[in-house]
Each structure stands twice: as structure tokens, then as C-alpha cells.
C-alpha atoms as a PDB file:
ATOM      1  CA  MET A   1       0.000   0.000   0.000  1.00  0.00           C
ATOM      2  CA  PRO A   2       1.460   3.425  -0.921  1.00  0.00           C
ATOM      3  CA  LYS A   3       2.181   5.840   1.916  1.00  0.00           C
ATOM      4  CA  ILE A   4       2.282   9.642   2.165  1.00  0.00           C
ATOM      5  CA  ARG A   5       4.250  11.184   5.001  1.00  0.00           C
ATOM      6  CA  PHE A   6       3.694  14.869   5.787  1.00  0.00           C
ATOM      7  CA  GLU A   7       7.134  15.602   7.206  1.00  0.00           C
ATOM      8  CA  ASN A   8       6.475  18.949   8.902  1.00  0.00           C
ATOM      9  CA  LEU A   9       3.205  17.720  10.431  1.00  0.00           C
ATOM     10  CA  GLY A  10       4.569  14.413  11.729  1.00  0.00           C
ATOM     11  CA  GLU A  11       1.717  12.510  10.071  1.00  0.00           C
ATOM     12  CA  SER A  12       1.851   9.432   7.808  1.00  0.00           C
ATOM     13  CA  TYR A  13      -0.995   7.692   5.970  1.00  0.00           C
ATOM     14  CA  GLU A  14      -1.430   4.615   3.813  1.00  0.00           C
ATOM     15  CA  VAL A  15      -3.425   5.451   0.678  1.00  0.00           C
ATOM     16  CA  ALA A  16      -4.848   3.621  -2.304  1.00  0.00           C
ATOM     17  CA  PRO A  17      -2.718   3.747  -5.468  1.00  0.00           C
ATOM     18  CA  GLY A  18      -3.677   6.827  -7.513  1.00  0.00           C
ATOM     19  CA  THR A  19      -4.582   8.958  -4.489  1.00  0.00           C
ATOM     20  CA  SER A  20      -3.314  12.524  -4.724  1.00  0.00           C
ATOM     21  CA  VAL A  21      -1.470  14.238  -1.898  1.00  0.00           C
ATOM     22  CA  LEU A  22      -4.313  16.785  -1.775  1.00  0.00           C
ATOM     23  CA  GLU A  23      -6.985  14.078  -1.525  1.00  0.00           C
ATOM     24  CA  CYS A  24      -5.111  12.518   1.391  1.00  0.00           C
ATOM     25  CA  ALA A  25      -4.734  15.904   3.110  1.00  0.00           C
ATOM     26  CA  ILE A  26      -8.450  16.654   2.708  1.00  0.00           C
ATOM     27  CA  ASP A  27      -9.465  13.192   3.962  1.00  0.00           C
ATOM     28  CA  GLN A  28      -7.274  13.663   7.050  1.00  0.00           C
ATOM     29  CA  ASN A  29      -8.240  17.321   7.693  1.00  0.00           C
ATOM     30  CA  LEU A  30      -4.668  18.520   7.172  1.00  0.00           C
ATOM     31  CA  PRO A  31      -3.917  22.201   6.417  1.00  0.00           C
ATOM     32  CA  LEU A  32      -3.222  22.090   2.660  1.00  0.00           C
ATOM     33  CA  ASP A  33      -4.961  24.951   0.854  1.00  0.00           C
ATOM     34  CA  HIS A  34      -6.811  24.209  -2.384  1.00  0.00           C
ATOM     35  CA  ASP A  35      -8.556  27.329  -3.678  1.00  0.00           C
ATOM     36  CA  CYS A  36      -9.451  25.831  -7.084  1.00  0.00           C
ATOM     37  CA  GLY A  37     -10.788  22.595  -5.605  1.00  0.00           C
ATOM     38  CA  GLY A  38      -7.943  20.485  -6.952  1.00  0.00           C
ATOM     39  CA  ASN A  39      -8.444  21.333 -10.619  1.00  0.00           C
ATOM     40  CA  CYS A  40      -4.868  22.410 -11.494  1.00  0.00           C
ATOM     41  CA  ALA A  41      -5.944  26.045 -11.856  1.00  0.00           C
ATOM     42  CA  CYS A  42      -3.903  27.661  -9.048  1.00  0.00           C
ATOM     43  CA  THR A  43      -0.875  26.931  -6.864  1.00  0.00           C
ATOM     44  CA  THR A  44      -2.361  27.021  -3.376  1.00  0.00           C
ATOM     45  CA  CYS A  45      -1.784  23.262  -2.923  1.00  0.00           C
ATOM     46  CA  HIS A  46       1.943  23.679  -3.684  1.00  0.00           C
ATOM     47  CA  ILE A  47       4.061  21.129  -1.807  1.00  0.00           C
ATOM     48  CA  PHE A  48       7.733  20.191  -1.597  1.00  0.00           C
ATOM     49  CA  VAL A  49       8.503  16.521  -2.267  1.00  0.00           C
ATOM     50  CA  LYS A  50      11.364  15.652   0.095  1.00  0.00           C
ATOM     51  CA  SER A  51      11.716  12.066  -1.124  1.00  0.00           C
ATOM     52  CA  GLY A  52       9.894   9.567  -3.300  1.00  0.00           C
ATOM     53  CA  MET A  53       9.411  11.792  -6.364  1.00  0.00           C
ATOM     54  CA  GLN A  54       9.765   8.645  -8.502  1.00  0.00           C
ATOM     55  CA  ASN A  55       6.676   7.229  -6.755  1.00  0.00           C
ATOM     56  CA  LEU A  56       4.451  10.034  -8.095  1.00  0.00           C
ATOM     57  CA  THR A  57       2.780  10.402 -11.454  1.00  0.00           C
ATOM     58  CA  PRO A  58       4.774  12.588 -13.870  1.00  0.00           C
ATOM     59  CA  MET A  59       4.244  16.356 -13.979  1.00  0.00           C
ATOM     60  CA  SER A  60       1.871  17.556 -16.706  1.00  0.00           C
ATOM     61  CA  GLU A  61       2.551  20.629 -18.839  1.00  0.00           C
ATOM     62  CA  ASP A  62      -0.321  22.470 -17.094  1.00  0.00           C
ATOM     63  CA  GLU A  63       1.190  21.786 -13.674  1.00  0.00           C
ATOM     64  CA  LYS A  64       4.655  22.816 -14.871  1.00  0.00           C
ATOM     65  CA  SER A  65       3.288  26.117 -16.239  1.00  0.00           C
ATOM     66  CA  LEU A  66       1.567  26.964 -12.964  1.00  0.00           C
ATOM     67  CA  LEU A  67       4.607  26.126 -10.870  1.00  0.00           C
ATOM     68  CA  GLU A  68       6.890  28.235 -13.047  1.00  0.00           C
ATOM     69  CA  ALA A  69       4.821  31.280 -12.019  1.00  0.00           C
ATOM     70  CA  ASN A  70       5.249  30.502  -8.289  1.00  0.00           C
ATOM     71  CA  GLU A  71       8.162  32.305  -6.624  1.00  0.00           C
ATOM     72  CA  ARG A  72       8.736  29.390  -4.240  1.00  0.00           C
ATOM     73  CA  LEU A  73       9.440  26.957  -7.098  1.00  0.00           C
ATOM     74  CA  ASP A  74      12.363  24.556  -6.807  1.00  0.00           C
ATOM     75  CA  GLU A  75      13.202  21.067  -8.038  1.00  0.00           C
ATOM     76  CA  GLN A  76      11.100  19.570  -5.235  1.00  0.00           C
ATOM     77  CA  SER A  77       7.946  21.548  -6.075  1.00  0.00           C
ATOM     78  CA  ARG A  78       4.713  19.867  -7.100  1.00  0.00           C
ATOM     79  CA  LEU A  79       1.014  20.606  -6.824  1.00  0.00           C
ATOM     80  CA  GLY A  80      -0.703  18.394  -4.281  1.00  0.00           C
ATOM     81  CA  CYS A  81      -3.737  17.977  -6.531  1.00  0.00           C
ATOM     82  CA  GLN A  82      -1.596  16.628  -9.380  1.00  0.00           C
ATOM     83  CA  SER A  83       0.768  14.469  -7.310  1.00  0.00           C
ATOM     84  CA  ARG A  84      -0.761  11.008  -7.378  1.00  0.00           C
ATOM     85  CA  VAL A  85       1.058   8.244  -5.527  1.00  0.00           C
ATOM     86  CA  LYS A  86       1.741   5.171  -7.662  1.00  0.00           C
ATOM     87  CA  SER A  87       3.590   3.042  -5.109  1.00  0.00           C
ATOM     88  CA  GLY A  88       6.049   3.194  -2.242  1.00  0.00           C
ATOM     89  CA  GLU A  89       6.434   6.106   0.137  1.00  0.00           C
ATOM     90  CA  VAL A  90       6.355   9.808  -0.648  1.00  0.00           C
ATOM     91  CA  VAL A  91       7.558  12.354   1.904  1.00  0.00           C
ATOM     92  CA  VAL A  92       6.176  15.862   1.447  1.00  0.00           C
ATOM     93  CA  GLN A  93       6.316  19.189   3.218  1.00  0.00           C
ATOM     94  CA  ILE A  94       3.508  21.738   3.169  1.00  0.00           C
ATOM     95  CA  PRO A  95       4.984  25.250   2.827  1.00  0.00           C
ATOM     96  CA  GLU A  96       4.403  27.625   5.732  1.00  0.00           C
END
């Protein structure tokens, strides 16, 4: 079973394959903003993937375009709504 660990919250959850980081956060009442409702139309669900990037679905061109406009972008940046766990463990951090 895939696992998502929210490093800065000290929380870890097993999820079904294909679950997004945002879906997990919503299900667990974690503080991950999502102004567009998870439709890849904003960057409020921006996360940093600390490890396990290879266990996520690849970044789409739409996601890449949105992240390029975010001043906090780095090589660990993803949108929680677009980051679907395929297998293994993914460790993420929600920006402050």
C-alpha cells in the first residue's frame, strides 16, 4: 500500500494507489490549501517533495506552467492535486 508522510506535520498515511497528496490531506483534515478545488488552476496546494518523487505520477505541462509562475518553485515543487502516488512512500512538506 502506498504511503504519504507529511514531514512537517509528523503525520503518515497509507493510501490507495492513484490517491493525490491533496486528496489525502483533505481526507485527514490537514492544512493544505486548495482554492481551485484540486483542478490544477492555481498553486495554493503547492508542496515540496522531500523524497519519493519517482513514486508520483509525472508532472503535466499544465502543472509545470503553474509552478513556473510561483516564486517558491524549486526542483522539489509539485502541486498536491496533481501528485498522485503510484507506489512506495512519498515524503512531502507543506509550505508555511
